[in-house]
C-alpha atoms as a PDB file:
ATOM      1  CA  MET A   1      82.461  27.582  39.774  1.00  0.00           C
ATOM      2  CA  ILE A   2      83.247  27.687  43.407  1.00  0.00           C
ATOM      3  CA  ASP A   3      81.692  24.989  45.643  1.00  0.00           C
ATOM      4  CA  GLN A   4      78.934  25.949  48.096  1.00  0.00           C
ATOM      5  CA  GLU A   5      80.891  24.626  51.039  1.00  0.00           C
ATOM      6  CA  LEU A   6      83.805  26.591  50.483  1.00  0.00           C
ATOM      7  CA  LEU A   7      81.124  29.926  49.477  1.00  0.00           C
ATOM      8  CA  ASP A   8      79.527  28.922  53.187  1.00  0.00           C
ATOM      9  CA  ILE A   9      82.444  29.134  55.099  1.00  0.00           C
ATOM     10  CA  LEU A  10      84.215  31.897  53.704  1.00  0.00           C
ATOM     11  CA  VAL A  11      84.083  35.672  55.296  1.00  0.00           C
ATOM     12  CA  CYS A  12      85.284  39.200  54.563  1.00  0.00           C
ATOM     13  CA  PRO A  13      88.894  39.403  55.970  1.00  0.00           C
ATOM     14  CA  GLN A  14      88.281  42.904  56.687  1.00  0.00           C
ATOM     15  CA  CYS A  15      84.989  42.884  59.313  1.00  0.00           C
ATOM     16  CA  LYS A  16      84.712  38.800  59.201  1.00  0.00           C
ATOM     17  CA  GLY A  17      80.705  39.819  57.420  1.00  0.00           C
ATOM     18  CA  PRO A  18      78.744  37.474  55.027  1.00  0.00           C
ATOM     19  CA  LEU A  19      80.245  37.812  51.833  1.00  0.00           C
ATOM     20  CA  GLU A  20      77.488  37.712  48.439  1.00  0.00           C
ATOM     21  CA  TYR A  21      79.044  35.435  45.491  1.00  0.00           C
ATOM     22  CA  GLN A  22      78.204  37.231  42.043  1.00  0.00           C
ATOM     23  CA  ARG A  23      78.879  34.805  39.222  1.00  0.00           C
ATOM     24  CA  GLU A  24      78.656  37.066  36.304  1.00  0.00           C
ATOM     25  CA  ASN A  25      81.470  39.482  38.104  1.00  0.00           C
ATOM     26  CA  GLN A  26      83.878  36.441  39.445  1.00  0.00           C
ATOM     27  CA  GLU A  27      83.739  38.267  42.711  1.00  0.00           C
ATOM     28  CA  LEU A  28      82.711  38.094  46.690  1.00  0.00           C
ATOM     29  CA  ILE A  29      80.907  40.976  47.954  1.00  0.00           C
ATOM     30  CA  CYS A  30      81.253  42.512  51.200  1.00  0.00           C
ATOM     31  CA  ARG A  31      78.308  44.869  51.594  1.00  0.00           C
ATOM     32  CA  ALA A  32      79.579  46.485  54.882  1.00  0.00           C
ATOM     33  CA  ASP A  33      82.645  47.390  53.940  1.00  0.00           C
ATOM     34  CA  LYS A  34      82.047  47.680  50.013  1.00  0.00           C
ATOM     35  CA  LEU A  35      84.739  45.694  48.843  1.00  0.00           C
ATOM     36  CA  ALA A  36      84.625  42.824  46.003  1.00  0.00           C
ATOM     37  CA  TYR A  37      87.120  40.161  46.362  1.00  0.00           C
ATOM     38  CA  PRO A  38      88.259  38.606  42.830  1.00  0.00           C
ATOM     39  CA  ILE A  39      88.124  34.876  42.069  1.00  0.00           C
ATOM     40  CA  ARG A  40      90.866  33.772  39.576  1.00  0.00           C
ATOM     41  CA  ASP A  41      90.908  30.512  38.036  1.00  0.00           C
ATOM     42  CA  ASP A  42      87.960  29.640  40.576  1.00  0.00           C
ATOM     43  CA  ILE A  43      90.253  30.470  43.591  1.00  0.00           C
ATOM     44  CA  PRO A  44      88.433  33.487  45.574  1.00  0.00           C
ATOM     45  CA  VAL A  45      91.784  36.202  46.489  1.00  0.00           C
ATOM     46  CA  MET A  46      90.590  37.025  50.186  1.00  0.00           C
ATOM     47  CA  LEU A  47      93.376  39.879  50.468  1.00  0.00           C
ATOM     48  CA  ILE A  48      91.916  43.249  51.486  1.00  0.00           C
ATOM     49  CA  ASP A  49      94.899  44.661  49.150  1.00  0.00           C
ATOM     50  CA  GLU A  50      93.217  43.252  46.157  1.00  0.00           C
ATOM     51  CA  ALA A  51      89.781  43.762  47.353  1.00  0.00           C
ATOM     52  CA  ARG A  52      87.960  46.222  44.657  1.00  0.00           C
ATOM     53  CA  ARG A  53      86.141  49.175  46.217  1.00  0.00           C
ATOM     54  CA  LEU A  54      82.396  49.714  45.636  1.00  0.00           C
ATOM     55  CA  ASP A  55      82.279  53.342  45.782  1.00  0.00           C
ATOM     56  CA  SER A  56      79.649  53.821  43.481  1.00  0.00           C
ATOM     57  CA  GLU A  57      77.300  50.964  43.958  1.00  0.00           C
END
């Protein structure tokens, strides 16, 4: 489980926009850039190269 204080300060590294936490997928979603940043071992991986594109959503 990710700490709420951490979620409040994290932004998308590409556009600096807000992120949406999706617990079921363990991802942080940037709707503006259509990117999903993975969370591995309760640590957000905030690397653009590691993000999954949300083309189909």
